[in-house]
Amino acid sequence: MGHSGAGVGLPVISAKLGDRCSSVIFMDAVVPPTSGAHRTSTNLIQLLDQQNVDGVLRRWLEWWPDEVVRGLVPDLEQRSLLLDDMPRLPRAFYDEEVVMPDQWTSRAIGYLQLSPAYDADRKEAMDCNWPTISLNANHLSTLTAPDEVLTALQELVEASRRRNGERRLPAH
């Protein structure tokens, strides 16, 4: 499973995992091309350049106005812990193209949309006939509404596996 920009790496990760990867789930994430290479969009490059301090990006939570961040994560302690846990990435990280492995879309794949910012990516998933679920949530609902997100993820994994003709996951 990949969240946000991590969706770009899911095809490569799942290919490296081989048979140990039973499903690929994009969660409010960028859907890369089905073949060829992913390149960072012009709009994101402009945003990244605004966050660049001496070749290193500010932490993601610092990119947005305080009122937006409070809306995503209302609890001050959760916001503080989240911010402390966020890495600072080199700006050049987003200049690398990511080549998609052959046939990466042959796995069980699903898309969980948490926020309207990922409408276009969910549409791409739907165009690929992947199972999708859309929650009335926000990009950081994994932190603020974990039970709701987990339930949707479980449903999505099952739906993607059924679509791919695989058995149900064993109960734990």
N, C-alpha and C. Protein backbone atom coordinates (compact mmCIF):
# COMPACT_ATOMS: atom_id res chain seq x y z
N MET A 1 0.83 -1.16 0.00
CA MET A 1 0.00 0.00 0.00
C MET A 1 0.89 1.24 0.00
N GLY A 2 0.50 2.21 -0.77
CA GLY A 2 1.22 3.47 -0.80
C GLY A 2 0.26 4.63 -0.65
N HIS A 3 0.68 5.64 0.09
CA HIS A 3 -0.12 6.83 0.37
C HIS A 3 0.55 8.02 -0.29
N SER A 4 -0.25 8.87 -0.91
CA SER A 4 0.22 10.13 -1.47
C SER A 4 1.24 9.88 -2.59
N GLY A 5 2.38 10.54 -2.52
CA GLY A 5 3.41 10.39 -3.55
C GLY A 5 4.04 9.01 -3.58
N ALA A 6 3.86 8.24 -2.51
CA ALA A 6 4.44 6.89 -2.47
C ALA A 6 3.79 5.96 -3.49
N GLY A 7 2.63 6.34 -4.02
CA GLY A 7 1.99 5.52 -5.04
C GLY A 7 2.88 5.29 -6.24
N VAL A 8 3.71 6.27 -6.55
CA VAL A 8 4.60 6.16 -7.70
C VAL A 8 5.54 4.96 -7.57
N GLY A 9 5.95 4.64 -6.35
CA GLY A 9 6.89 3.55 -6.14
C GLY A 9 6.25 2.17 -6.02
N LEU A 10 4.93 2.10 -5.89
CA LEU A 10 4.28 0.81 -5.68
C LEU A 10 4.55 -0.22 -6.77
N PRO A 11 4.51 0.15 -8.05
CA PRO A 11 4.78 -0.86 -9.07
C PRO A 11 6.18 -1.47 -8.94
N VAL A 12 7.17 -0.65 -8.65
CA VAL A 12 8.54 -1.14 -8.52
C VAL A 12 8.66 -2.03 -7.27
N ILE A 13 8.08 -1.59 -6.17
CA ILE A 13 8.14 -2.36 -4.93
C ILE A 13 7.44 -3.70 -5.11
N SER A 14 6.26 -3.69 -5.70
CA SER A 14 5.52 -4.94 -5.87
C SER A 14 6.25 -5.89 -6.81
N ALA A 15 6.91 -5.35 -7.82
CA ALA A 15 7.69 -6.21 -8.73
C ALA A 15 8.86 -6.85 -7.99
N LYS A 16 9.53 -6.09 -7.13
CA LYS A 16 10.65 -6.63 -6.35
C LYS A 16 10.17 -7.70 -5.36
N LEU A 17 8.98 -7.51 -4.80
CA LEU A 17 8.44 -8.48 -3.85
C LEU A 17 7.96 -9.76 -4.54
N GLY A 18 7.65 -9.67 -5.82
CA GLY A 18 7.22 -10.84 -6.57
C GLY A 18 5.98 -11.48 -5.97
N ASP A 19 6.02 -12.79 -5.76
CA ASP A 19 4.87 -13.53 -5.25
C ASP A 19 4.54 -13.19 -3.80
N ARG A 20 5.44 -12.52 -3.10
CA ARG A 20 5.15 -12.13 -1.71
C ARG A 20 4.18 -10.96 -1.65
N CYS A 21 3.89 -10.35 -2.79
CA CYS A 21 2.94 -9.23 -2.86
C CYS A 21 1.65 -9.73 -3.48
N SER A 22 0.59 -9.75 -2.68
CA SER A 22 -0.68 -10.27 -3.19
C SER A 22 -1.60 -9.18 -3.72
N SER A 23 -1.44 -7.95 -3.24
CA SER A 23 -2.30 -6.84 -3.65
C SER A 23 -1.50 -5.54 -3.64
N VAL A 24 -1.92 -4.63 -4.50
CA VAL A 24 -1.34 -3.29 -4.54
C VAL A 24 -2.49 -2.32 -4.30
N ILE A 25 -2.38 -1.53 -3.24
CA ILE A 25 -3.44 -0.59 -2.89
C ILE A 25 -2.88 0.84 -2.88
N PHE A 26 -3.48 1.68 -3.68
CA PHE A 26 -3.16 3.11 -3.70
C PHE A 26 -4.14 3.79 -2.74
N MET A 27 -3.62 4.57 -1.79
CA MET A 27 -4.48 5.25 -0.83
C MET A 27 -4.23 6.75 -0.93
N ASP A 28 -5.21 7.45 -1.51
CA ASP A 28 -5.05 8.88 -1.75
C ASP A 28 -3.67 9.13 -2.32
N ALA A 29 -3.39 8.40 -3.41
CA ALA A 29 -2.03 8.34 -3.93
C ALA A 29 -1.99 8.62 -5.43
N VAL A 30 -0.83 9.01 -5.87
CA VAL A 30 -0.56 9.21 -7.29
C VAL A 30 -0.58 7.85 -7.98
N VAL A 31 -1.32 7.74 -9.07
CA VAL A 31 -1.33 6.54 -9.89
C VAL A 31 -0.34 6.76 -11.04
N PRO A 32 0.73 5.96 -11.08
CA PRO A 32 1.71 6.13 -12.15
C PRO A 32 1.19 5.55 -13.47
N PRO A 33 1.89 5.81 -14.56
CA PRO A 33 1.44 5.26 -15.84
C PRO A 33 1.53 3.73 -15.84
N THR A 34 0.71 3.11 -16.65
CA THR A 34 0.72 1.64 -16.72
C THR A 34 1.97 1.11 -17.40
N SER A 35 2.65 1.96 -18.16
CA SER A 35 3.93 1.58 -18.77
C SER A 35 4.77 2.84 -18.97
N GLY A 36 6.03 2.64 -19.25
CA GLY A 36 6.91 3.79 -19.43
C GLY A 36 7.44 4.31 -18.10
N ALA A 37 7.56 5.63 -18.00
CA ALA A 37 8.14 6.22 -16.79
C ALA A 37 7.23 7.31 -16.24
N HIS A 38 7.25 7.42 -14.91
CA HIS A 38 6.53 8.51 -14.24
C HIS A 38 7.49 9.69 -14.09
N ARG A 39 6.98 10.87 -14.39
CA ARG A 39 7.72 12.11 -14.16
C ARG A 39 6.85 13.04 -13.33
N THR A 40 7.46 13.78 -12.46
CA THR A 40 6.73 14.70 -11.59
C THR A 40 6.04 15.76 -12.44
N SER A 41 4.79 16.04 -12.11
CA SER A 41 4.01 17.01 -12.88
C SER A 41 4.57 18.42 -12.71
N THR A 42 4.30 19.26 -13.68
CA THR A 42 4.74 20.65 -13.65
C THR A 42 4.17 21.37 -12.44
N ASN A 43 2.90 21.13 -12.12
CA ASN A 43 2.27 21.79 -10.96
C ASN A 43 2.97 21.41 -9.67
N LEU A 44 3.30 20.13 -9.51
CA LEU A 44 3.98 19.70 -8.29
C LEU A 44 5.39 20.27 -8.24
N ILE A 45 6.07 20.32 -9.37
CA ILE A 45 7.42 20.90 -9.41
C ILE A 45 7.39 22.34 -8.91
N GLN A 46 6.38 23.10 -9.34
CA GLN A 46 6.27 24.50 -8.89
C GLN A 46 6.07 24.57 -7.38
N LEU A 47 5.23 23.69 -6.83
CA LEU A 47 5.01 23.66 -5.39
C LEU A 47 6.29 23.26 -4.66
N LEU A 48 6.97 22.25 -5.17
CA LEU A 48 8.21 21.80 -4.55
C LEU A 48 9.26 22.91 -4.52
N ASP A 49 9.36 23.63 -5.61
CA ASP A 49 10.34 24.71 -5.68
C ASP A 49 10.06 25.80 -4.63
N GLN A 50 8.78 25.97 -4.28
CA GLN A 50 8.42 26.94 -3.24
C GLN A 50 8.80 26.43 -1.85
N GLN A 51 8.97 25.13 -1.71
CA GLN A 51 9.28 24.51 -0.41
C GLN A 51 10.76 24.20 -0.25
N ASN A 52 11.55 24.55 -1.23
CA ASN A 52 12.97 24.22 -1.29
C ASN A 52 13.79 25.21 -0.45
N VAL A 53 14.53 24.66 0.52
CA VAL A 53 15.43 25.47 1.33
C VAL A 53 16.82 24.83 1.24
N ASP A 54 17.69 25.47 0.47
CA ASP A 54 19.06 24.97 0.31
C ASP A 54 19.11 23.53 -0.20
N GLY A 55 18.23 23.21 -1.16
CA GLY A 55 18.25 21.89 -1.77
C GLY A 55 17.47 20.82 -1.01
N VAL A 56 16.84 21.21 0.11
CA VAL A 56 16.07 20.26 0.91
C VAL A 56 14.66 20.83 1.10
N LEU A 57 13.68 19.96 0.95
CA LEU A 57 12.28 20.40 1.11
C LEU A 57 11.91 20.53 2.58
N ARG A 58 11.09 21.53 2.86
CA ARG A 58 10.52 21.62 4.21
C ARG A 58 9.66 20.39 4.44
N ARG A 59 9.37 20.09 5.69
CA ARG A 59 8.50 18.95 5.98
C ARG A 59 7.10 19.23 5.43
N TRP A 60 6.45 18.19 4.92
CA TRP A 60 5.20 18.34 4.19
C TRP A 60 4.16 19.15 4.95
N LEU A 61 4.03 18.94 6.22
CA LEU A 61 3.03 19.65 7.02
C LEU A 61 3.30 21.16 7.05
N GLU A 62 4.53 21.55 6.84
CA GLU A 62 4.91 22.97 6.84
C GLU A 62 4.61 23.66 5.51
N TRP A 63 4.17 22.91 4.52
CA TRP A 63 3.86 23.48 3.21
C TRP A 63 2.55 24.26 3.22
N TRP A 64 1.70 24.00 4.19
CA TRP A 64 0.33 24.48 4.16
C TRP A 64 0.09 25.49 5.28
N PRO A 65 -0.87 26.41 5.08
CA PRO A 65 -1.22 27.37 6.14
C PRO A 65 -1.72 26.64 7.39
N ASP A 66 -1.53 27.27 8.54
CA ASP A 66 -1.92 26.67 9.82
C ASP A 66 -3.38 26.22 9.84
N GLU A 67 -4.29 27.03 9.27
CA GLU A 67 -5.70 26.66 9.32
C GLU A 67 -5.99 25.39 8.51
N VAL A 68 -5.25 25.18 7.43
CA VAL A 68 -5.41 23.95 6.64
C VAL A 68 -4.91 22.75 7.46
N VAL A 69 -3.77 22.90 8.09
CA VAL A 69 -3.19 21.81 8.89
C VAL A 69 -4.11 21.48 10.06
N ARG A 70 -4.65 22.50 10.72
CA ARG A 70 -5.59 22.26 11.84
C ARG A 70 -6.83 21.52 11.35
N GLY A 71 -7.28 21.82 10.13
CA GLY A 71 -8.43 21.12 9.57
C GLY A 71 -8.13 19.65 9.28
N LEU A 72 -6.91 19.36 8.89
CA LEU A 72 -6.51 17.97 8.61
C LEU A 72 -6.31 17.17 9.89
N VAL A 73 -5.65 17.79 10.85
CA VAL A 73 -5.33 17.12 12.12
C VAL A 73 -5.68 18.10 13.25
N PRO A 74 -6.91 18.06 13.74
CA PRO A 74 -7.34 19.03 14.76
C PRO A 74 -6.58 18.93 16.08
N ASP A 75 -6.17 17.74 16.48
CA ASP A 75 -5.51 17.54 17.77
C ASP A 75 -4.07 18.04 17.72
N LEU A 76 -3.73 18.99 18.59
CA LEU A 76 -2.40 19.60 18.62
C LEU A 76 -1.31 18.57 18.87
N GLU A 77 -1.54 17.66 19.80
CA GLU A 77 -0.52 16.65 20.10
C GLU A 77 -0.27 15.74 18.90
N GLN A 78 -1.33 15.33 18.21
CA GLN A 78 -1.16 14.51 17.01
C GLN A 78 -0.39 15.28 15.93
N ARG A 79 -0.72 16.56 15.76
CA ARG A 79 -0.01 17.38 14.76
C ARG A 79 1.47 17.46 15.10
N SER A 80 1.78 17.67 16.35
CA SER A 80 3.17 17.79 16.78
C SER A 80 3.93 16.48 16.55
N LEU A 81 3.32 15.36 16.92
CA LEU A 81 3.97 14.06 16.71
C LEU A 81 4.17 13.78 15.22
N LEU A 82 3.16 14.10 14.44
CA LEU A 82 3.26 13.89 13.00
C LEU A 82 4.37 14.73 12.39
N LEU A 83 4.42 15.99 12.76
CA LEU A 83 5.46 16.88 12.24
C LEU A 83 6.85 16.38 12.63
N ASP A 84 7.01 15.96 13.88
CA ASP A 84 8.31 15.45 14.34
C ASP A 84 8.74 14.21 13.57
N ASP A 85 7.78 13.44 13.08
CA ASP A 85 8.07 12.19 12.37
C ASP A 85 8.31 12.38 10.88
N MET A 86 8.02 13.56 10.36
CA MET A 86 8.13 13.78 8.91
C MET A 86 9.58 14.04 8.50
N PRO A 87 10.01 13.35 7.46
CA PRO A 87 11.38 13.57 6.98
C PRO A 87 11.46 14.82 6.11
N ARG A 88 12.66 15.29 5.92
CA ARG A 88 12.93 16.34 4.94
C ARG A 88 13.66 15.66 3.80
N LEU A 89 13.09 15.76 2.61
CA LEU A 89 13.66 15.09 1.44
C LEU A 89 14.47 16.07 0.60
N PRO A 90 15.49 15.55 -0.09
CA PRO A 90 16.19 16.41 -1.04
C PRO A 90 15.24 16.83 -2.16
N ARG A 91 15.31 18.05 -2.59
CA ARG A 91 14.46 18.53 -3.70
C ARG A 91 14.69 17.69 -4.94
N ALA A 92 15.91 17.24 -5.16
CA ALA A 92 16.26 16.47 -6.35
C ALA A 92 15.55 15.11 -6.40
N PHE A 93 15.05 14.64 -5.27
CA PHE A 93 14.33 13.37 -5.22
C PHE A 93 13.21 13.35 -6.26
N TYR A 94 12.54 14.45 -6.45
CA TYR A 94 11.40 14.52 -7.36
C TYR A 94 11.81 14.75 -8.82
N ASP A 95 13.09 14.88 -9.07
CA ASP A 95 13.56 15.03 -10.44
C ASP A 95 13.82 13.68 -11.11
N GLU A 96 13.86 12.63 -10.30
CA GLU A 96 14.12 11.29 -10.83
C GLU A 96 12.86 10.73 -11.49
N GLU A 97 13.01 10.18 -12.69
CA GLU A 97 11.88 9.49 -13.28
C GLU A 97 11.87 8.06 -12.75
N VAL A 98 10.69 7.51 -12.63
CA VAL A 98 10.54 6.16 -12.10
C VAL A 98 9.99 5.29 -13.24
N VAL A 99 10.80 4.35 -13.69
CA VAL A 99 10.42 3.47 -14.79
C VAL A 99 9.52 2.36 -14.24
N MET A 100 8.38 2.19 -14.89
CA MET A 100 7.41 1.19 -14.45
C MET A 100 7.81 -0.20 -14.96
N PRO A 101 7.73 -1.20 -14.09
CA PRO A 101 8.02 -2.56 -14.52
C PRO A 101 6.96 -3.05 -15.52
N ASP A 102 7.35 -3.97 -16.37
CA ASP A 102 6.40 -4.55 -17.31
C ASP A 102 5.28 -5.26 -16.57
N GLN A 103 4.09 -5.13 -17.08
CA GLN A 103 2.93 -5.88 -16.60
C GLN A 103 2.61 -5.65 -15.11
N TRP A 104 2.99 -4.50 -14.57
CA TRP A 104 2.75 -4.29 -13.14
C TRP A 104 1.27 -4.26 -12.80
N THR A 105 0.43 -3.97 -13.76
CA THR A 105 -1.00 -3.89 -13.48
C THR A 105 -1.70 -5.25 -13.49
N SER A 106 -0.95 -6.34 -13.65
CA SER A 106 -1.58 -7.66 -13.67
C SER A 106 -1.89 -8.17 -12.26
N ARG A 107 -1.43 -7.48 -11.24
CA ARG A 107 -1.72 -7.86 -9.84
C ARG A 107 -3.12 -7.41 -9.43
N ALA A 108 -3.54 -7.85 -8.26
CA ALA A 108 -4.77 -7.35 -7.66
C ALA A 108 -4.49 -5.92 -7.20
N ILE A 109 -5.23 -4.96 -7.73
CA ILE A 109 -4.98 -3.54 -7.46
C ILE A 109 -6.28 -2.87 -7.06
N GLY A 110 -6.19 -1.93 -6.12
CA GLY A 110 -7.35 -1.15 -5.72
C GLY A 110 -6.95 0.28 -5.38
N TYR A 111 -7.97 1.15 -5.29
CA TYR A 111 -7.72 2.56 -4.99
C TYR A 111 -8.68 3.05 -3.91
N LEU A 112 -8.10 3.59 -2.83
CA LEU A 112 -8.89 4.20 -1.76
C LEU A 112 -8.66 5.71 -1.79
N GLN A 113 -9.72 6.45 -2.07
CA GLN A 113 -9.64 7.90 -2.10
C GLN A 113 -10.11 8.46 -0.77
N LEU A 114 -9.27 9.31 -0.18
CA LEU A 114 -9.61 9.96 1.08
C LEU A 114 -10.00 11.41 0.89
N SER A 115 -9.46 12.08 -0.13
CA SER A 115 -9.68 13.52 -0.29
C SER A 115 -9.94 13.89 -1.75
N PRO A 116 -10.64 14.99 -1.97
CA PRO A 116 -10.92 15.44 -3.33
C PRO A 116 -9.65 15.76 -4.14
N ALA A 117 -8.54 15.99 -3.48
CA ALA A 117 -7.30 16.30 -4.20
C ALA A 117 -6.88 15.16 -5.13
N TYR A 118 -7.41 13.97 -4.88
CA TYR A 118 -7.02 12.80 -5.68
C TYR A 118 -8.15 12.32 -6.58
N ASP A 119 -9.04 13.21 -6.96
CA ASP A 119 -10.13 12.86 -7.89
C ASP A 119 -9.59 12.29 -9.20
N ALA A 120 -8.59 12.93 -9.76
CA ALA A 120 -8.05 12.50 -11.06
C ALA A 120 -7.41 11.12 -10.95
N ASP A 121 -6.73 10.85 -9.85
CA ASP A 121 -6.09 9.54 -9.68
C ASP A 121 -7.14 8.45 -9.49
N ARG A 122 -8.19 8.74 -8.74
CA ARG A 122 -9.28 7.77 -8.59
C ARG A 122 -9.93 7.50 -9.94
N LYS A 123 -10.10 8.54 -10.75
CA LYS A 123 -10.67 8.35 -12.08
C LYS A 123 -9.77 7.44 -12.92
N GLU A 124 -8.47 7.64 -12.83
CA GLU A 124 -7.54 6.74 -13.55
C GLU A 124 -7.72 5.31 -13.10
N ALA A 125 -7.86 5.10 -11.80
CA ALA A 125 -8.07 3.75 -11.27
C ALA A 125 -9.38 3.17 -11.81
N MET A 126 -10.41 3.97 -11.85
CA MET A 126 -11.69 3.51 -12.37
C MET A 126 -11.58 3.18 -13.86
N ASP A 127 -10.83 4.01 -14.61
CA ASP A 127 -10.62 3.75 -16.04
C ASP A 127 -9.87 2.44 -16.26
N CYS A 128 -9.06 2.04 -15.28
CA CYS A 128 -8.33 0.76 -15.36
C CYS A 128 -9.18 -0.40 -14.84
N ASN A 129 -10.43 -0.10 -14.43
CA ASN A 129 -11.35 -1.10 -13.88
C ASN A 129 -10.86 -1.70 -12.56
N TRP A 130 -10.12 -0.93 -11.79
CA TRP A 130 -9.71 -1.38 -10.46
C TRP A 130 -10.84 -1.06 -9.49
N PRO A 131 -11.04 -1.90 -8.49
CA PRO A 131 -12.01 -1.55 -7.45
C PRO A 131 -11.57 -0.25 -6.75
N THR A 132 -12.53 0.59 -6.47
CA THR A 132 -12.24 1.85 -5.78
C THR A 132 -13.25 2.05 -4.65
N ILE A 133 -12.79 2.74 -3.64
CA ILE A 133 -13.65 3.19 -2.56
C ILE A 133 -13.29 4.65 -2.30
N SER A 134 -14.31 5.46 -2.10
CA SER A 134 -14.08 6.87 -1.79
C SER A 134 -14.71 7.17 -0.43
N LEU A 135 -13.90 7.67 0.49
CA LEU A 135 -14.39 8.05 1.81
C LEU A 135 -14.56 9.57 1.87
N ASN A 136 -15.49 10.01 2.67
CA ASN A 136 -15.65 11.43 2.94
C ASN A 136 -14.70 11.75 4.09
N ALA A 137 -13.43 11.92 3.75
CA ALA A 137 -12.37 12.05 4.75
C ALA A 137 -11.39 13.12 4.30
N ASN A 138 -10.16 13.04 4.80
CA ASN A 138 -9.12 13.95 4.33
C ASN A 138 -7.81 13.17 4.15
N HIS A 139 -6.83 13.82 3.59
CA HIS A 139 -5.58 13.17 3.21
C HIS A 139 -4.88 12.50 4.39
N LEU A 140 -5.10 12.97 5.59
CA LEU A 140 -4.43 12.42 6.76
C LEU A 140 -5.38 11.62 7.66
N SER A 141 -6.45 11.10 7.09
CA SER A 141 -7.42 10.34 7.88
C SER A 141 -6.86 9.01 8.39
N THR A 142 -5.74 8.57 7.87
CA THR A 142 -5.11 7.38 8.46
C THR A 142 -4.76 7.66 9.92
N LEU A 143 -4.49 8.92 10.23
CA LEU A 143 -4.17 9.33 11.59
C LEU A 143 -5.42 9.69 12.39
N THR A 144 -6.35 10.39 11.77
CA THR A 144 -7.49 10.94 12.50
C THR A 144 -8.72 10.04 12.50
N ALA A 145 -8.80 9.11 11.57
CA ALA A 145 -9.95 8.18 11.50
C ALA A 145 -9.45 6.78 11.11
N PRO A 146 -8.53 6.22 11.89
CA PRO A 146 -7.88 4.97 11.49
C PRO A 146 -8.83 3.78 11.33
N ASP A 147 -9.85 3.69 12.17
CA ASP A 147 -10.78 2.55 12.07
C ASP A 147 -11.55 2.58 10.75
N GLU A 148 -12.03 3.75 10.38
CA GLU A 148 -12.77 3.90 9.12
C GLU A 148 -11.87 3.57 7.92
N VAL A 149 -10.64 4.06 7.97
CA VAL A 149 -9.70 3.79 6.87
C VAL A 149 -9.35 2.31 6.81
N LEU A 150 -9.10 1.69 7.95
CA LEU A 150 -8.77 0.27 7.97
C LEU A 150 -9.91 -0.59 7.43
N THR A 151 -11.12 -0.29 7.81
CA THR A 151 -12.28 -1.04 7.30
C THR A 151 -12.36 -0.92 5.77
N ALA A 152 -12.19 0.29 5.25
CA ALA A 152 -12.22 0.49 3.80
C ALA A 152 -11.08 -0.25 3.11
N LEU A 153 -9.90 -0.23 3.72
CA LEU A 153 -8.76 -0.95 3.14
C LEU A 153 -9.03 -2.45 3.07
N GLN A 154 -9.59 -3.00 4.13
CA GLN A 154 -9.90 -4.43 4.14
C GLN A 154 -10.90 -4.77 3.03
N GLU A 155 -11.93 -3.95 2.89
CA GLU A 155 -12.92 -4.17 1.83
C GLU A 155 -12.26 -4.08 0.45
N LEU A 156 -11.37 -3.13 0.30
CA LEU A 156 -10.73 -2.91 -0.99
C LEU A 156 -9.79 -4.06 -1.35
N VAL A 157 -9.03 -4.55 -0.39
CA VAL A 157 -8.14 -5.69 -0.65
C VAL A 157 -8.98 -6.88 -1.10
N GLU A 158 -10.07 -7.14 -0.39
CA GLU A 158 -10.93 -8.27 -0.77
C GLU A 158 -11.49 -8.08 -2.18
N ALA A 159 -11.97 -6.88 -2.48
CA ALA A 159 -12.54 -6.60 -3.80
C ALA A 159 -11.49 -6.75 -4.90
N SER A 160 -10.28 -6.27 -4.64
CA SER A 160 -9.23 -6.37 -5.66
C SER A 160 -8.81 -7.82 -5.88
N ARG A 161 -8.77 -8.59 -4.82
CA ARG A 161 -8.41 -10.01 -4.94
C ARG A 161 -9.52 -10.79 -5.66
N ARG A 162 -10.78 -10.48 -5.36
CA ARG A 162 -11.89 -11.14 -6.07
C ARG A 162 -11.83 -10.82 -7.56
N ARG A 163 -11.56 -9.56 -7.87
CA ARG A 163 -11.47 -9.15 -9.27
C ARG A 163 -10.36 -9.91 -9.98
N ASN A 164 -9.32 -10.24 -9.25
CA ASN A 164 -8.18 -10.95 -9.81
C ASN A 164 -8.34 -12.47 -9.70
N GLY A 165 -9.48 -12.91 -9.16
CA GLY A 165 -9.74 -14.34 -9.07
C GLY A 165 -8.99 -15.05 -7.94
N GLU A 166 -8.61 -14.32 -6.90
CA GLU A 166 -7.87 -14.91 -5.79
C GLU A 166 -8.81 -15.22 -4.64
N ARG A 167 -8.37 -16.14 -3.77
CA ARG A 167 -9.15 -16.51 -2.59
C ARG A 167 -9.17 -15.37 -1.57
N ARG A 168 -10.13 -15.47 -0.66
CA ARG A 168 -10.21 -14.51 0.45
C ARG A 168 -8.95 -14.61 1.30
N LEU A 169 -8.61 -13.52 1.95
CA LEU A 169 -7.51 -13.54 2.91
C LEU A 169 -7.91 -14.37 4.14
N PRO A 170 -6.97 -15.07 4.74
CA PRO A 170 -7.31 -15.82 5.95
C PRO A 170 -7.69 -14.85 7.07
N ALA A 171 -8.64 -15.27 7.90
CA ALA A 171 -9.04 -14.45 9.06
C ALA A 171 -7.96 -14.54 10.12
N HIS A 172 -7.74 -13.44 10.82
CA HIS A 172 -6.72 -13.40 11.90
C HIS A 172 -7.40 -13.20 13.21
